Amino acid sequence: GKVVRYLHDEGAEVSKGEAYVELEAMKMIMSLKSSESGKISHAKSAGSIISAGELLATLQLKDPSRVQRILPFEGSFDPFGQVVDEPEPVDEDVMALLDGFEVGCRGAHLVERMFQAFKNPDAADKSVLGLLDKYLANERSFAACGLSCRPYDELLRELIIEGKDSPDRVMMTMVAHNKLAERNEVILAVLRQMVSAESSGMSCMYVPDIEVNREADTAVLSKIEEISQMPSVAAQAGDYGNVRYLAQQLLDVMPTESYEERVSAL
């Protein structure tokens, strides 16, 4: 991104919640707001190119008591105590990847580990529904843009206008969308696991049973159906052809009889 301009002079007073700088990113202009009141010092100049995590300004607080103080440790510490390895939260890593963050691992590998850890169908339903819902919540407007052949710049303007009171949310939406290839990899891995489960006869563990009227299963199925209607042709708003095809394939291989009926037939 780029610093467009600072909204206060060097050393000026800035109030809590007041915008202090305007940034340009992805053809969007958005302002950042101060979290506290105080005197501002600029860390960059107008026109500077910036990247995520860079310092834009410092603030000499009007009320220094607002600073969280670091106190010396007064307890006891055993450097040779037993260290217990905590299991890695795979679900959290997959969700973070869908938010556009780097997690140090490929999405397909994380999804495979997540499916291996499922203990029952309800756990599978909950996790799969959460992943599909997060993916669609971010990509729904971009996919609709592709289906309607709407100009991409027009969509960006609409997102900015709708998120004018929460520019951070707009920024996070764009950060996630810019990682569409990685996000698609996660969803493709989920769909492949589900297609494989159907082929091996283990659909009761991983995918919604069409004939069972359970709320979670119905919700998962509706997400799969929505993905199957995404654009088939790549456009500036995104390429959803692979996830669309695999979602359609999953719908095609789903049995029309319930799990109980299949067990009885055996």
Protein backbone atom coordinates (compact mmCIF):
# COMPACT_ATOMS: atom_id res chain seq x y z
CA GLY A 1 0.00 0.00 0.00
CA LYS A 2 0.90 3.68 0.08
CA VAL A 3 0.56 6.56 2.54
CA VAL A 4 -1.72 9.13 0.88
CA ARG A 5 -1.52 11.76 3.62
CA TYR A 6 -1.49 12.33 7.35
CA LEU A 7 -4.58 14.13 8.63
CA HIS A 8 -2.73 16.01 11.43
CA ASP A 9 0.48 18.01 11.54
CA GLU A 10 3.53 16.61 13.31
CA GLY A 11 3.03 16.97 17.07
CA ALA A 12 -0.68 17.83 16.78
CA GLU A 13 -3.29 16.52 19.21
CA VAL A 14 -5.30 13.51 18.05
CA SER A 15 -8.46 12.35 19.83
CA LYS A 16 -9.38 8.74 20.49
CA GLY A 17 -11.34 7.33 17.54
CA GLU A 18 -10.22 10.14 15.22
CA ALA A 19 -8.74 9.29 11.82
CA TYR A 20 -5.03 10.18 11.59
CA VAL A 21 -3.83 8.83 8.23
CA GLU A 22 -5.20 7.85 4.82
CA LEU A 23 -3.81 4.79 3.02
CA GLU A 24 -4.22 3.52 -0.53
CA ALA A 25 -4.42 -0.23 -1.12
CA MET A 26 -6.02 -2.15 -4.00
CA LYS A 27 -7.31 1.13 -5.50
CA MET A 28 -9.10 1.86 -2.22
CA ILE A 29 -8.58 4.88 0.04
CA MET A 30 -9.20 4.16 3.71
CA SER A 31 -8.37 5.92 6.95
CA LEU A 32 -6.99 4.48 10.18
CA LYS A 33 -8.23 5.71 13.53
CA SER A 34 -6.30 6.40 16.71
CA SER A 35 -6.97 4.02 19.59
CA GLU A 36 -6.09 6.67 22.21
CA SER A 37 -5.72 10.46 22.57
CA GLY A 38 -2.34 12.23 22.47
CA LYS A 39 0.28 13.97 20.34
CA ILE A 40 1.13 12.27 17.06
CA SER A 41 4.55 11.80 15.49
CA HIS A 42 4.73 10.67 11.88
CA ALA A 43 6.89 7.61 11.11
CA LYS A 44 6.48 7.94 7.32
CA SER A 45 5.92 10.68 4.80
CA ALA A 46 3.16 11.13 2.25
CA GLY A 47 3.75 8.89 -0.76
CA SER A 48 5.72 6.28 1.19
CA ILE A 49 5.25 2.67 0.10
CA ILE A 50 4.34 0.49 3.08
CA SER A 51 3.76 -3.18 3.81
CA ALA A 52 1.82 -5.03 6.50
CA GLY A 53 3.15 -4.46 10.02
CA GLU A 54 5.10 -1.26 9.33
CA LEU A 55 4.97 1.58 11.87
CA LEU A 56 2.97 4.55 10.60
CA ALA A 57 3.01 6.85 13.63
CA THR A 58 3.69 7.02 17.35
CA LEU A 59 1.52 8.65 20.00
CA GLN A 60 2.55 10.48 23.16
CA LEU A 61 -0.46 9.66 25.26
CA LYS A 62 -2.52 12.41 26.84
CA ASP A 63 -3.21 10.05 29.74
CA PRO A 64 -0.06 7.96 30.39
CA SER A 65 -2.00 5.71 32.76
CA ARG A 66 -3.61 4.18 29.68
CA VAL A 67 -0.35 2.34 28.97
CA GLN A 68 -0.30 -1.27 30.12
CA ARG A 69 2.68 -1.50 32.44
CA ILE A 70 5.20 -4.32 32.38
CA LEU A 71 5.97 -5.43 35.94
CA PRO A 72 8.90 -7.60 37.05
CA PHE A 73 8.14 -11.27 37.58
CA GLU A 74 8.00 -12.04 41.30
CA GLY A 75 6.96 -15.70 41.23
CA SER A 76 9.07 -18.82 41.01
CA PHE A 77 10.32 -20.35 37.80
CA ASP A 78 11.71 -23.82 37.30
CA PRO A 79 13.75 -23.85 34.06
CA PHE A 80 14.00 -27.64 34.23
CA GLY A 81 10.33 -28.32 34.85
CA GLN A 82 8.39 -30.77 32.74
CA VAL A 83 7.34 -29.38 29.39
CA VAL A 84 4.03 -30.66 28.08
CA ASP A 85 3.54 -30.38 24.33
CA GLU A 86 0.12 -29.00 23.53
CA PRO A 87 -1.53 -30.44 20.43
CA GLU A 88 -1.62 -27.98 17.56
CA PRO A 89 -5.10 -26.53 16.98
CA VAL A 90 -5.54 -27.66 13.38
CA ASP A 91 -9.00 -26.08 13.04
CA GLU A 92 -7.62 -22.70 14.09
CA ASP A 93 -4.78 -22.92 11.57
CA VAL A 94 -7.21 -23.73 8.75
CA MET A 95 -9.47 -20.83 9.75
CA ALA A 96 -6.46 -18.48 9.91
CA LEU A 97 -5.42 -19.60 6.43
CA LEU A 98 -8.93 -18.80 5.16
CA ASP A 99 -8.54 -15.34 6.70
CA GLY A 100 -5.48 -14.79 4.50
CA PHE A 101 -2.76 -15.42 7.09
CA GLU A 102 0.40 -17.47 6.61
CA VAL A 103 0.41 -20.55 8.86
CA GLY A 104 3.56 -22.29 7.66
CA CYS A 105 1.74 -25.30 6.24
CA ARG A 106 -0.15 -26.15 3.06
CA GLY A 107 -3.92 -26.05 3.33
CA ALA A 108 -4.37 -29.55 1.91
CA HIS A 109 -2.13 -31.03 4.61
CA LEU A 110 -3.99 -29.19 7.38
CA VAL A 111 -7.36 -30.37 6.05
CA GLU A 112 -6.13 -33.98 5.91
CA ARG A 113 -5.04 -33.80 9.55
CA MET A 114 -8.35 -32.19 10.51
CA PHE A 115 -10.38 -35.00 8.91
CA GLN A 116 -8.20 -37.65 10.55
CA ALA A 117 -8.98 -36.11 13.95
CA PHE A 118 -12.78 -36.24 13.57
CA LYS A 119 -14.32 -38.45 16.26
CA ASN A 120 -17.95 -38.45 15.11
CA PRO A 121 -20.26 -37.08 12.39
CA ASP A 122 -21.35 -34.10 14.49
CA ALA A 123 -17.76 -32.91 14.89
CA ALA A 124 -17.23 -33.29 11.15
CA ASP A 125 -20.44 -31.38 10.36
CA LYS A 126 -19.50 -28.50 12.65
CA SER A 127 -15.96 -28.11 11.29
CA VAL A 128 -16.90 -28.47 7.62
CA LEU A 129 -19.80 -26.05 7.99
CA GLY A 130 -17.51 -23.48 9.64
CA LEU A 131 -14.95 -23.69 6.83
CA LEU A 132 -17.49 -23.48 4.00
CA ASP A 133 -19.33 -20.63 5.70
CA LYS A 134 -16.15 -18.57 6.21
CA TYR A 135 -15.09 -19.14 2.59
CA LEU A 136 -18.47 -18.11 1.17
CA ALA A 137 -18.89 -15.14 3.49
CA ASN A 138 -15.77 -13.58 1.98
CA GLU A 139 -16.12 -14.74 -1.64
CA ARG A 140 -19.89 -14.46 -2.17
CA SER A 141 -19.81 -10.88 -3.47
CA PHE A 142 -16.78 -11.55 -5.70
CA ALA A 143 -18.39 -14.65 -7.18
CA ALA A 144 -21.61 -12.72 -7.84
CA CYS A 145 -19.52 -10.07 -9.58
CA GLY A 146 -18.12 -12.73 -11.89
CA LEU A 147 -21.52 -14.25 -12.63
CA SER A 148 -23.04 -10.90 -13.55
CA CYS A 149 -19.96 -9.73 -15.53
CA ARG A 150 -20.01 -6.63 -13.36
CA PRO A 151 -16.93 -4.32 -13.49
CA TYR A 152 -14.52 -5.23 -10.70
CA ASP A 153 -13.82 -1.57 -9.83
CA GLU A 154 -17.54 -1.06 -9.27
CA LEU A 155 -17.58 -3.92 -6.75
CA LEU A 156 -14.59 -2.43 -4.90
CA ARG A 157 -16.32 0.95 -4.65
CA GLU A 158 -19.43 -0.72 -3.27
CA LEU A 159 -17.41 -2.61 -0.65
CA ILE A 160 -15.73 0.64 0.45
CA ILE A 161 -19.05 2.46 0.74
CA GLU A 162 -20.67 -0.39 2.68
CA GLY A 163 -17.68 -0.64 5.02
CA LYS A 164 -17.02 3.08 5.50
CA ASP A 165 -17.57 2.75 9.26
CA SER A 166 -15.33 -0.32 9.53
CA PRO A 167 -12.39 0.07 7.12
CA ASP A 168 -10.46 -2.65 8.95
CA ARG A 169 -13.12 -5.18 7.95
CA VAL A 170 -12.90 -4.08 4.31
CA MET A 171 -9.13 -4.41 4.45
CA MET A 172 -9.34 -7.93 5.92
CA THR A 173 -11.85 -8.91 3.23
CA MET A 174 -9.38 -7.84 0.55
CA VAL A 175 -6.43 -9.48 2.32
CA ALA A 176 -8.31 -12.78 2.38
CA HIS A 177 -9.50 -12.44 -1.23
CA ASN A 178 -5.95 -11.74 -2.42
CA LYS A 179 -5.10 -15.22 -1.07
CA LEU A 180 -7.85 -16.83 -3.15
CA ALA A 181 -5.54 -19.52 -4.52
CA GLU A 182 -4.64 -20.66 -0.99
CA ARG A 183 -8.27 -20.41 0.14
CA ASN A 184 -9.39 -22.46 -2.86
CA GLU A 185 -6.79 -25.09 -1.98
CA VAL A 186 -8.41 -25.51 1.45
CA ILE A 187 -11.93 -25.86 0.04
CA LEU A 188 -10.76 -28.23 -2.70
CA ALA A 189 -9.10 -30.41 -0.04
CA VAL A 190 -12.34 -30.45 1.99
CA LEU A 191 -14.42 -31.40 -1.06
CA ARG A 192 -11.94 -34.11 -2.06
CA GLN A 193 -12.14 -35.63 1.40
CA MET A 194 -15.92 -35.68 1.13
CA VAL A 195 -15.92 -37.16 -2.37
CA SER A 196 -13.47 -39.82 -1.18
CA ALA A 197 -15.69 -40.55 1.81
CA GLU A 198 -18.67 -41.12 -0.46
CA SER A 199 -16.65 -43.44 -2.70
CA SER A 200 -15.47 -45.52 0.28
CA GLY A 201 -18.92 -45.73 1.88
CA MET A 202 -17.94 -43.57 4.88
CA SER A 203 -20.22 -40.64 4.07
CA CYS A 204 -21.91 -40.92 7.46
CA MET A 205 -18.70 -39.55 8.99
CA TYR A 206 -17.95 -36.66 6.67
CA VAL A 207 -20.78 -35.46 4.51
CA PRO A 208 -24.42 -34.51 5.01
CA ASP A 209 -26.92 -37.32 4.57
CA ILE A 210 -29.52 -35.92 2.20
CA GLU A 211 -32.37 -37.96 3.66
CA VAL A 212 -31.64 -37.15 7.31
CA ASN A 213 -33.33 -33.95 8.41
CA ARG A 214 -30.60 -32.63 10.66
CA GLU A 215 -29.96 -28.90 10.83
CA ALA A 216 -26.17 -29.15 10.51
CA ASP A 217 -26.34 -31.50 7.53
CA THR A 218 -28.88 -29.32 5.76
CA ALA A 219 -26.64 -26.27 6.27
CA VAL A 220 -23.56 -28.09 4.91
CA LEU A 221 -25.49 -29.26 1.88
CA SER A 222 -26.72 -25.74 1.16
CA LYS A 223 -23.14 -24.43 1.23
CA ILE A 224 -22.00 -27.13 -1.19
CA GLU A 225 -24.89 -26.28 -3.52
CA GLU A 226 -23.96 -22.59 -3.38
CA ILE A 227 -20.33 -23.36 -4.26
CA SER A 228 -21.54 -25.49 -7.18
CA GLN A 229 -23.20 -22.37 -8.63
CA MET A 230 -20.07 -20.17 -8.53
CA PRO A 231 -18.61 -18.86 -11.83
CA SER A 232 -17.04 -21.49 -14.06
CA VAL A 233 -14.90 -19.00 -15.99
CA ALA A 234 -12.01 -17.09 -14.43
CA ALA A 235 -12.52 -13.33 -14.18
CA GLN A 236 -10.84 -10.35 -12.56
CA ALA A 237 -12.97 -10.94 -9.47
CA GLY A 238 -11.56 -14.47 -9.08
CA ASP A 239 -11.23 -18.00 -10.43
CA TYR A 240 -13.72 -20.44 -8.88
CA GLY A 241 -13.86 -23.02 -11.66
CA ASN A 242 -12.10 -25.85 -9.78
CA VAL A 243 -14.11 -25.52 -6.57
CA ARG A 244 -17.34 -25.28 -8.57
CA TYR A 245 -16.53 -28.44 -10.54
CA LEU A 246 -15.62 -30.46 -7.44
CA ALA A 247 -18.75 -29.30 -5.57
CA GLN A 248 -20.86 -30.43 -8.54
CA GLN A 249 -19.02 -33.76 -8.55
CA LEU A 250 -19.77 -34.22 -4.85
CA LEU A 251 -23.46 -33.55 -5.40
CA ASP A 252 -23.46 -36.09 -8.22
CA VAL A 253 -21.97 -38.91 -6.10
CA MET A 254 -24.14 -38.30 -3.04
CA PRO A 255 -26.58 -41.19 -2.57
CA THR A 256 -30.29 -40.46 -2.62
CA GLU A 257 -31.06 -42.96 0.16
CA SER A 258 -30.34 -42.35 3.84
CA TYR A 259 -27.52 -43.95 5.81
CA GLU A 260 -30.01 -46.23 7.63
CA GLU A 261 -31.44 -47.39 4.30
CA ARG A 262 -27.98 -48.18 3.00
CA VAL A 263 -27.15 -50.16 6.14
CA SER A 264 -30.39 -52.14 5.78
CA ALA A 265 -29.60 -52.90 2.15
CA LEU A 266 -26.27 -54.40 3.21
